[in-house]
C-alpha atoms as a PDB file:
ATOM      1  CA  MET A   1      -1.758   0.350 -29.611  1.00  0.00           C
ATOM      2  CA  GLN A   2      -0.132  -3.135 -29.351  1.00  0.00           C
ATOM      3  CA  THR A   3      -2.005  -6.231 -28.455  1.00  0.00           C
ATOM      4  CA  ILE A   4      -0.498  -8.823 -26.105  1.00  0.00           C
ATOM      5  CA  GLY A   5      -1.867 -12.172 -24.775  1.00  0.00           C
ATOM      6  CA  VAL A   6      -2.553 -12.480 -21.150  1.00  0.00           C
ATOM      7  CA  TYR A   7       0.263 -15.012 -20.569  1.00  0.00           C
ATOM      8  CA  GLU A   8       2.882 -12.790 -22.229  1.00  0.00           C
ATOM      9  CA  ALA A   9       1.609  -9.860 -20.194  1.00  0.00           C
ATOM     10  CA  LYS A  10       2.055 -11.776 -16.997  1.00  0.00           C
ATOM     11  CA  THR A  11       5.436 -12.973 -17.954  1.00  0.00           C
ATOM     12  CA  HIS A  12       6.639  -9.485 -19.099  1.00  0.00           C
ATOM     13  CA  LEU A  13       4.708  -7.058 -16.808  1.00  0.00           C
ATOM     14  CA  PRO A  14       7.656  -4.991 -15.671  1.00  0.00           C
ATOM     15  CA  LYS A  15       8.789  -4.367 -19.360  1.00  0.00           C
ATOM     16  CA  LEU A  16       5.159  -3.521 -20.397  1.00  0.00           C
ATOM     17  CA  LEU A  17       4.855  -1.166 -17.477  1.00  0.00           C
ATOM     18  CA  ALA A  18       8.074   0.611 -18.582  1.00  0.00           C
ATOM     19  CA  ARG A  19       6.657   1.115 -21.981  1.00  0.00           C
ATOM     20  CA  VAL A  20       3.378   2.435 -20.536  1.00  0.00           C
ATOM     21  CA  VAL A  21       5.311   5.044 -18.682  1.00  0.00           C
ATOM     22  CA  ASN A  22       6.853   6.144 -21.995  1.00  0.00           C
ATOM     23  CA  GLY A  23       3.377   6.754 -23.349  1.00  0.00           C
ATOM     24  CA  GLU A  24       2.330   3.578 -25.026  1.00  0.00           C
ATOM     25  CA  GLN A  25      -1.041   1.835 -24.614  1.00  0.00           C
ATOM     26  CA  ILE A  26      -1.138  -1.926 -24.582  1.00  0.00           C
ATOM     27  CA  THR A  27      -4.323  -3.998 -24.983  1.00  0.00           C
ATOM     28  CA  ILE A  28      -4.231  -7.383 -23.200  1.00  0.00           C
ATOM     29  CA  THR A  29      -6.324 -10.200 -24.724  1.00  0.00           C
ATOM     30  CA  LYS A  30      -7.488 -13.601 -23.530  1.00  0.00           C
ATOM     31  CA  HIS A  31      -8.152 -16.019 -26.432  1.00  0.00           C
ATOM     32  CA  GLY A  32      -7.993 -13.142 -28.889  1.00  0.00           C
ATOM     33  CA  VAL A  33     -10.650 -11.088 -26.866  1.00  0.00           C
ATOM     34  CA  PRO A  34      -9.506  -7.785 -25.445  1.00  0.00           C
ATOM     35  CA  ILE A  35      -9.967  -7.790 -21.686  1.00  0.00           C
ATOM     36  CA  ALA A  36      -7.871  -4.914 -20.460  1.00  0.00           C
ATOM     37  CA  VAL A  37      -5.782  -1.883 -21.569  1.00  0.00           C
ATOM     38  CA  LEU A  38      -2.682  -0.957 -19.903  1.00  0.00           C
ATOM     39  CA  GLN A  39      -2.287   2.958 -20.045  1.00  0.00           C
ATOM     40  CA  ALA A  40      -0.810   5.756 -17.997  1.00  0.00           C
ATOM     41  CA  PRO A  41      -3.261   7.416 -15.613  1.00  0.00           C
ATOM     42  CA  SER A  42      -4.877  10.600 -16.795  1.00  0.00           C
ATOM     43  CA  SER A  43      -3.596  13.888 -15.541  1.00  0.00           C
ATOM     44  CA  SER A  44      -6.717  14.401 -13.515  1.00  0.00           C
ATOM     45  CA  SER A  45      -5.759  11.482 -11.283  1.00  0.00           C
ATOM     46  CA  GLN A  46      -2.931  13.490  -9.833  1.00  0.00           C
ATOM     47  CA  LYS A  47      -2.399  13.518  -6.148  1.00  0.00           C
ATOM     48  CA  THR A  48      -3.777  16.502  -4.170  1.00  0.00           C
ATOM     49  CA  SER A  49      -1.457  18.347  -1.818  1.00  0.00           C
ATOM     50  CA  PRO A  50      -1.560  17.411   1.754  1.00  0.00           C
ATOM     51  CA  LYS A  51      -2.556  20.988   2.643  1.00  0.00           C
ATOM     52  CA  LYS A  52      -5.693  20.781   0.437  1.00  0.00           C
ATOM     53  CA  THR A  53      -6.474  17.295   1.912  1.00  0.00           C
ATOM     54  CA  ILE A  54      -6.223  18.651   5.527  1.00  0.00           C
ATOM     55  CA  GLU A  55      -8.345  21.670   4.598  1.00  0.00           C
ATOM     56  CA  ASP A  56     -10.991  19.396   3.022  1.00  0.00           C
ATOM     57  CA  LEU A  57     -11.148  17.196   6.192  1.00  0.00           C
ATOM     58  CA  ARG A  58     -11.570  20.190   8.395  1.00  0.00           C
ATOM     59  CA  MET A  59     -14.429  21.422   6.136  1.00  0.00           C
ATOM     60  CA  PHE A  60     -16.083  17.918   6.365  1.00  0.00           C
ATOM     61  CA  ARG A  61     -15.656  17.843  10.223  1.00  0.00           C
ATOM     62  CA  LYS A  62     -17.586  21.274  10.368  1.00  0.00           C
ATOM     63  CA  LYS A  63     -20.407  19.925   8.236  1.00  0.00           C
ATOM     64  CA  CYS A  64     -20.815  16.426   9.736  1.00  0.00           C
ATOM     65  CA  LYS A  65     -21.784  15.973  13.376  1.00  0.00           C
ATOM     66  CA  LEU A  66     -21.844  12.817  15.446  1.00  0.00           C
ATOM     67  CA  ASN A  67     -24.837  13.873  17.490  1.00  0.00           C
ATOM     68  CA  GLY A  68     -23.468  12.690  20.721  1.00  0.00           C
ATOM     69  CA  LEU A  69     -21.863   9.520  19.527  1.00  0.00           C
ATOM     70  CA  SER A  70     -18.148   9.033  20.166  1.00  0.00           C
ATOM     71  CA  ILE A  71     -15.769   7.581  17.761  1.00  0.00           C
ATOM     72  CA  ARG A  72     -15.209   4.657  20.092  1.00  0.00           C
ATOM     73  CA  ASP A  73     -18.934   3.819  19.924  1.00  0.00           C
ATOM     74  CA  LEU A  74     -18.837   3.853  16.075  1.00  0.00           C
ATOM     75  CA  ILE A  75     -15.712   1.654  16.047  1.00  0.00           C
ATOM     76  CA  ASP A  76     -17.247  -0.761  18.461  1.00  0.00           C
ATOM     77  CA  GLU A  77     -20.467  -0.883  16.429  1.00  0.00           C
ATOM     78  CA  GLY A  78     -18.529  -1.776  13.268  1.00  0.00           C
ATOM     79  CA  ARG A  79     -16.894  -4.790  15.035  1.00  0.00           C
ATOM     80  CA  ARG A  80     -20.169  -6.575  15.683  1.00  0.00           C
END
């Protein structure tokens, strides 16, 4: 894992991201102290399929009831 200062990271971010896509991990430091790690997302953070999302929303709608409230009432309440 390579270590890079925050100024260099800011200056060369597109190049660093290209390296991360190729599997590298890069530690960003500020005054020699690690503050962040650039790395590719884990495989568990993959997007779900639209069909699965729609199915989950339908299941949620069946479980959660508004008990007589309308969506408009809820929106207006949030604007106060």
